[in-house]
PDB file of N, CA and C in Angstrom:
ATOM      1  N   MET A   1      95.701  26.788 109.870  1.00  0.00           N
ATOM      2  CA  MET A   1      96.275  27.928 109.212  1.00  0.00           C
ATOM      3  C   MET A   1      95.406  29.031 108.846  1.00  0.00           C
ATOM      4  N   TYR A   2      95.911  30.140 108.782  1.00  0.00           N
ATOM      5  CA  TYR A   2      94.796  31.316 108.447  1.00  0.00           C
ATOM      6  C   TYR A   2      95.252  32.190 107.254  1.00  0.00           C
ATOM      7  N   ASN A   3      94.428  32.444 106.509  1.00  0.00           N
ATOM      8  CA  ASN A   3      94.642  33.261 105.285  1.00  0.00           C
ATOM      9  C   ASN A   3      93.854  34.292 104.956  1.00  0.00           C
ATOM     10  N   TRP A   4      94.388  35.522 105.167  1.00  0.00           N
ATOM     11  CA  TRP A   4      93.146  36.876 105.264  1.00  0.00           C
ATOM     12  C   TRP A   4      92.985  37.136 103.857  1.00  0.00           C
ATOM     13  N   SER A   5      93.654  36.858 102.782  1.00  0.00           N
ATOM     14  CA  SER A   5      93.624  37.343 101.390  1.00  0.00           C
ATOM     15  C   SER A   5      92.588  36.295 100.581  1.00  0.00           C
ATOM     16  N   VAL A   6      92.248  35.297 101.016  1.00  0.00           N
ATOM     17  CA  VAL A   6      91.421  34.484 100.090  1.00  0.00           C
ATOM     18  C   VAL A   6      90.062  34.190 100.917  1.00  0.00           C
ATOM     19  N   ASP A   7      88.863  34.044 100.233  1.00  0.00           N
ATOM     20  CA  ASP A   7      87.601  33.879 100.908  1.00  0.00           C
ATOM     21  C   ASP A   7      87.513  32.211 101.159  1.00  0.00           C
ATOM     22  N   VAL A   8      88.008  31.561 102.146  1.00  0.00           N
ATOM     23  CA  VAL A   8      88.042  30.083 102.313  1.00  0.00           C
ATOM     24  C   VAL A   8      86.584  29.392 102.080  1.00  0.00           C
ATOM     25  N   LYS A   9      85.543  30.153 102.342  1.00  0.00           N
ATOM     26  CA  LYS A   9      84.235  29.620 102.347  1.00  0.00           C
ATOM     27  C   LYS A   9      83.834  29.410 101.028  1.00  0.00           C
ATOM     28  N   LYS A  10      84.252  30.456 100.288  1.00  0.00           N
ATOM     29  CA  LYS A  10      83.740  30.345  98.814  1.00  0.00           C
ATOM     30  C   LYS A  10      84.709  29.288  98.118  1.00  0.00           C
ATOM     31  N   LEU A  11      86.155  29.316  98.247  1.00  0.00           N
ATOM     32  CA  LEU A  11      87.125  28.211  97.856  1.00  0.00           C
ATOM     33  C   LEU A  11      86.688  26.858  97.904  1.00  0.00           C
ATOM     34  N   LYS A  12      86.090  26.589  99.624  1.00  0.00           N
ATOM     35  CA  LYS A  12      85.473  25.292  99.576  1.00  0.00           C
ATOM     36  C   LYS A  12      84.432  24.667  98.867  1.00  0.00           C
ATOM     37  N   LYS A  13      83.812  25.703  97.849  1.00  0.00           N
ATOM     38  CA  LYS A  13      82.838  24.965  97.207  1.00  0.00           C
ATOM     39  C   LYS A  13      83.238  24.317  95.805  1.00  0.00           C
ATOM     40  N   TYR A  14      84.677  24.187  95.636  1.00  0.00           N
ATOM     41  CA  TYR A  14      85.234  23.733  94.851  1.00  0.00           C
ATOM     42  C   TYR A  14      86.499  22.960  95.483  1.00  0.00           C
ATOM     43  N   PRO A  15      86.114  21.751  95.660  1.00  0.00           N
ATOM     44  CA  PRO A  15      86.872  20.761  96.543  1.00  0.00           C
ATOM     45  C   PRO A  15      88.286  20.412  95.882  1.00  0.00           C
ATOM     46  N   GLU A  16      88.315  20.434  94.640  1.00  0.00           N
ATOM     47  CA  GLU A  16      89.701  20.076  93.894  1.00  0.00           C
ATOM     48  C   GLU A  16      90.604  21.563  94.051  1.00  0.00           C
ATOM     49  N   LYS A  17      90.153  22.485  93.586  1.00  0.00           N
ATOM     50  CA  LYS A  17      90.823  23.876  93.878  1.00  0.00           C
ATOM     51  C   LYS A  17      91.356  24.320  95.083  1.00  0.00           C
ATOM     52  N   TYR A  18      90.305  23.912  96.183  1.00  0.00           N
ATOM     53  CA  TYR A  18      90.721  23.873  97.471  1.00  0.00           C
ATOM     54  C   TYR A  18      91.724  23.054  97.924  1.00  0.00           C
ATOM     55  N   ALA A  19      91.856  21.974  97.643  1.00  0.00           N
ATOM     56  CA  ALA A  19      92.736  20.985  98.086  1.00  0.00           C
ATOM     57  C   ALA A  19      94.403  21.290  97.503  1.00  0.00           C
ATOM     58  N   ILE A  20      94.442  21.923  96.254  1.00  0.00           N
ATOM     59  CA  ILE A  20      95.483  22.362  95.458  1.00  0.00           C
ATOM     60  C   ILE A  20      95.815  23.586  95.985  1.00  0.00           C
ATOM     61  N   TRP A  21      95.125  24.614  96.252  1.00  0.00           N
ATOM     62  CA  TRP A  21      95.396  25.760  97.049  1.00  0.00           C
ATOM     63  C   TRP A  21      96.077  25.375  98.702  1.00  0.00           C
ATOM     64  N   ARG A  22      95.414  24.519  99.354  1.00  0.00           N
ATOM     65  CA  ARG A  22      95.558  24.348 100.814  1.00  0.00           C
ATOM     66  C   ARG A  22      97.027  23.653 100.569  1.00  0.00           C
ATOM     67  N   LEU A  23      97.312  22.828  99.932  1.00  0.00           N
ATOM     68  CA  LEU A  23      98.604  22.116  99.746  1.00  0.00           C
ATOM     69  C   LEU A  23      99.825  23.067  99.336  1.00  0.00           C
ATOM     70  N   GLU A  24      99.518  23.995  98.526  1.00  0.00           N
ATOM     71  CA  GLU A  24     100.449  24.887  98.106  1.00  0.00           C
ATOM     72  C   GLU A  24     100.700  25.817  99.293  1.00  0.00           C
ATOM     73  N   GLN A  25      99.686  26.524  99.989  1.00  0.00           N
ATOM     74  CA  GLN A  25      99.780  27.179 101.185  1.00  0.00           C
ATOM     75  C   GLN A  25     100.688  26.615 102.092  1.00  0.00           C
ATOM     76  N   LEU A  26     100.408  25.336 102.535  1.00  0.00           N
ATOM     77  CA  LEU A  26     101.105  24.413 103.548  1.00  0.00           C
ATOM     78  C   LEU A  26     102.456  24.287 103.237  1.00  0.00           C
ATOM     79  N   ILE A  27     102.901  24.252 101.820  1.00  0.00           N
ATOM     80  CA  ILE A  27     104.119  23.852 101.276  1.00  0.00           C
ATOM     81  C   ILE A  27     104.980  25.175 101.377  1.00  0.00           C
ATOM     82  N   ASN A  28     104.452  26.476 100.879  1.00  0.00           N
ATOM     83  CA  ASN A  28     105.200  27.580 100.685  1.00  0.00           C
ATOM     84  C   ASN A  28     105.355  28.251 102.023  1.00  0.00           C
ATOM     85  N   TYR A  29     104.191  28.312 102.928  1.00  0.00           N
ATOM     86  CA  TYR A  29     104.476  29.181 104.089  1.00  0.00           C
ATOM     87  C   TYR A  29     104.291  28.370 105.421  1.00  0.00           C
ATOM     88  N   GLY A  30     104.650  26.911 105.454  1.00  0.00           N
ATOM     89  CA  GLY A  30     104.890  26.047 106.561  1.00  0.00           C
ATOM     90  C   GLY A  30     103.585  25.609 107.009  1.00  0.00           C
ATOM     91  N   LEU A  31     104.010  24.696 107.765  1.00  0.00           N
ATOM     92  CA  LEU A  31     102.670  23.606 108.151  1.00  0.00           C
ATOM     93  C   LEU A  31     102.173  23.897 109.268  1.00  0.00           C
ATOM     94  N   SER A  32     102.747  24.700 110.405  1.00  0.00           N
ATOM     95  CA  SER A  32     102.137  25.346 111.519  1.00  0.00           C
ATOM     96  C   SER A  32     101.734  23.986 112.296  1.00  0.00           C
ATOM     97  N   GLY A  33     102.558  22.965 112.393  1.00  0.00           N
ATOM     98  CA  GLY A  33     102.140  21.828 113.206  1.00  0.00           C
ATOM     99  C   GLY A  33     101.510  20.717 112.529  1.00  0.00           C
ATOM    100  N   GLU A  34     100.931  21.028 111.289  1.00  0.00           N
ATOM    101  CA  GLU A  34     100.075  20.009 110.553  1.00  0.00           C
ATOM    102  C   GLU A  34     101.218  19.067 109.770  1.00  0.00           C
ATOM    103  N   LYS A  35     100.390  18.100 109.208  1.00  0.00           N
ATOM    104  CA  LYS A  35     101.148  17.100 108.426  1.00  0.00           C
ATOM    105  C   LYS A  35     100.682  17.092 107.005  1.00  0.00           C
ATOM    106  N   LEU A  36     101.345  17.046 105.878  1.00  0.00           N
ATOM    107  CA  LEU A  36     100.630  16.720 104.723  1.00  0.00           C
ATOM    108  C   LEU A  36     100.132  15.415 104.416  1.00  0.00           C
ATOM    109  N   ASP A  37      99.176  15.175 104.038  1.00  0.00           N
ATOM    110  CA  ASP A  37      98.470  14.034 103.530  1.00  0.00           C
ATOM    111  C   ASP A  37      98.916  13.482 102.520  1.00  0.00           C
ATOM    112  N   GLN A  38      99.673  12.125 102.645  1.00  0.00           N
ATOM    113  CA  GLN A  38     100.347  11.849 101.470  1.00  0.00           C
ATOM    114  C   GLN A  38      99.432  11.336 100.424  1.00  0.00           C
ATOM    115  N   LYS A  39      98.153  10.785 100.684  1.00  0.00           N
ATOM    116  CA  LYS A  39      97.527  10.580  99.489  1.00  0.00           C
ATOM    117  C   LYS A  39      96.912  11.694  98.940  1.00  0.00           C
ATOM    118  N   GLU A  40      96.594  12.759  99.307  1.00  0.00           N
ATOM    119  CA  GLU A  40      96.574  14.056  99.009  1.00  0.00           C
ATOM    120  C   GLU A  40      97.400  14.512  97.905  1.00  0.00           C
ATOM    121  N   LEU A  41      98.425  14.642  98.577  1.00  0.00           N
ATOM    122  CA  LEU A  41      99.685  15.172  97.977  1.00  0.00           C
ATOM    123  C   LEU A  41     100.000  14.185  96.525  1.00  0.00           C
ATOM    124  N   GLU A  42     100.195  12.807  96.668  1.00  0.00           N
ATOM    125  CA  GLU A  42     100.202  12.210  95.431  1.00  0.00           C
ATOM    126  C   GLU A  42      99.285  12.632  94.291  1.00  0.00           C
ATOM    127  N   ALA A  43      98.060  12.856  94.683  1.00  0.00           N
ATOM    128  CA  ALA A  43      96.832  12.868  93.781  1.00  0.00           C
ATOM    129  C   ALA A  43      97.142  14.278  93.042  1.00  0.00           C
ATOM    130  N   ASN A  44      97.601  15.110  93.590  1.00  0.00           N
ATOM    131  CA  ASN A  44      97.751  16.527  93.186  1.00  0.00           C
ATOM    132  C   ASN A  44      99.154  17.100  93.080  1.00  0.00           C
ATOM    133  N   ILE A  45     100.186  16.082  93.246  1.00  0.00           N
ATOM    134  CA  ILE A  45     101.526  16.935  93.020  1.00  0.00           C
ATOM    135  C   ILE A  45     102.073  17.666  91.846  1.00  0.00           C
ATOM    136  N   GLY A  46     101.347  16.933  90.584  1.00  0.00           N
ATOM    137  CA  GLY A  46     101.442  17.590  89.019  1.00  0.00           C
ATOM    138  C   GLY A  46     100.788  18.606  88.913  1.00  0.00           C
ATOM    139  N   LYS A  47      99.858  19.095  89.774  1.00  0.00           N
ATOM    140  CA  LYS A  47      98.908  20.437  89.609  1.00  0.00           C
ATOM    141  C   LYS A  47      99.472  21.563  90.543  1.00  0.00           C
ATOM    142  N   LEU A  48     100.422  21.487  91.187  1.00  0.00           N
ATOM    143  CA  LEU A  48     100.718  22.403  92.474  1.00  0.00           C
ATOM    144  C   LEU A  48     101.600  22.990  91.480  1.00  0.00           C
ATOM    145  N   HIS A  49     101.548  24.503  91.886  1.00  0.00           N
ATOM    146  CA  HIS A  49     102.309  25.689  91.293  1.00  0.00           C
ATOM    147  C   HIS A  49     103.266  26.071  92.584  1.00  0.00           C
ATOM    148  N   ILE A  50     104.609  25.023  92.628  1.00  0.00           N
ATOM    149  CA  ILE A  50     105.394  25.456  93.780  1.00  0.00           C
ATOM    150  C   ILE A  50     106.843  25.380  92.949  1.00  0.00           C
ATOM    151  N   ASP A  51     107.922  25.778  93.623  1.00  0.00           N
ATOM    152  CA  ASP A  51     108.995  25.770  93.401  1.00  0.00           C
ATOM    153  C   ASP A  51     109.503  24.320  92.809  1.00  0.00           C
ATOM    154  N   PRO A  52     110.072  24.423  91.491  1.00  0.00           N
ATOM    155  CA  PRO A  52     110.416  23.102  91.192  1.00  0.00           C
ATOM    156  C   PRO A  52     111.306  22.348  91.692  1.00  0.00           C
ATOM    157  N   LEU A  53     112.156  22.948  92.607  1.00  0.00           N
ATOM    158  CA  LEU A  53     113.114  21.960  93.264  1.00  0.00           C
ATOM    159  C   LEU A  53     112.148  21.409  94.469  1.00  0.00           C
ATOM    160  N   LYS A  54     111.375  21.860  95.022  1.00  0.00           N
ATOM    161  CA  LYS A  54     110.661  21.579  96.131  1.00  0.00           C
ATOM    162  C   LYS A  54     109.512  20.583  95.625  1.00  0.00           C
ATOM    163  N   LYS A  55     108.992  20.673  94.442  1.00  0.00           N
ATOM    164  CA  LYS A  55     108.116  19.810  93.800  1.00  0.00           C
ATOM    165  C   LYS A  55     109.199  18.386  93.531  1.00  0.00           C
ATOM    166  N   LYS A  56     110.456  18.597  92.967  1.00  0.00           N
ATOM    167  CA  LYS A  56     110.826  17.375  92.633  1.00  0.00           C
ATOM    168  C   LYS A  56     111.300  16.655  93.730  1.00  0.00           C
ATOM    169  N   TYR A  57     111.852  17.431  95.200  1.00  0.00           N
ATOM    170  CA  TYR A  57     112.091  16.758  96.245  1.00  0.00           C
ATOM    171  C   TYR A  57     111.072  15.918  96.780  1.00  0.00           C
ATOM    172  N   LEU A  58     109.818  16.566  96.986  1.00  0.00           N
ATOM    173  CA  LEU A  58     108.525  15.846  97.512  1.00  0.00           C
ATOM    174  C   LEU A  58     108.085  14.690  96.430  1.00  0.00           C
ATOM    175  N   GLY A  59     108.461  14.729  95.105  1.00  0.00           N
ATOM    176  CA  GLY A  59     108.058  13.329  94.536  1.00  0.00           C
ATOM    177  C   GLY A  59     109.108  12.490  94.788  1.00  0.00           C
ATOM    178  N   PHE A  60     110.528  12.792  95.339  1.00  0.00           N
ATOM    179  CA  PHE A  60     111.385  11.917  95.649  1.00  0.00           C
ATOM    180  C   PHE A  60     110.929  11.195  96.815  1.00  0.00           C
ATOM    181  N   LEU A  61     110.484  12.079  97.724  1.00  0.00           N
ATOM    182  CA  LEU A  61     110.099  11.680  99.087  1.00  0.00           C
ATOM    183  C   LEU A  61     109.001  10.533  98.905  1.00  0.00           C
ATOM    184  N   LEU A  62     108.188  10.881  98.112  1.00  0.00           N
ATOM    185  CA  LEU A  62     106.890  10.104  97.844  1.00  0.00           C
ATOM    186  C   LEU A  62     107.149   8.476  97.131  1.00  0.00           C
ATOM    187  N   HIS A  63     107.722   8.821  96.443  1.00  0.00           N
ATOM    188  CA  HIS A  63     108.363   7.419  95.785  1.00  0.00           C
ATOM    189  C   HIS A  63     109.234   6.392  96.375  1.00  0.00           C
ATOM    190  N   SER A  64     110.125   7.109  97.234  1.00  0.00           N
ATOM    191  CA  SER A  64     111.145   6.516  98.187  1.00  0.00           C
ATOM    192  C   SER A  64     110.377   5.775  99.184  1.00  0.00           C
ATOM    193  N   SER A  65     109.269   6.088  99.529  1.00  0.00           N
ATOM    194  CA  SER A  65     108.643   5.402 100.872  1.00  0.00           C
ATOM    195  C   SER A  65     107.921   4.209 100.561  1.00  0.00           C
TER     196      SER A  65
END
């Protein structure tokens, strides 16, 4: 994943913010062959700023498995 508008090196100094930002980027702009980490998604789903329907669907998938 490549992002030109964010200084990823600076953001990595704040692991929680980086994890949330990365998940939002992957969900909103595509995975590019990556897979979402289920544990990371479960830990941060309430903190994500994504489309409510996407969030609801991801929550459904997490709880149905």
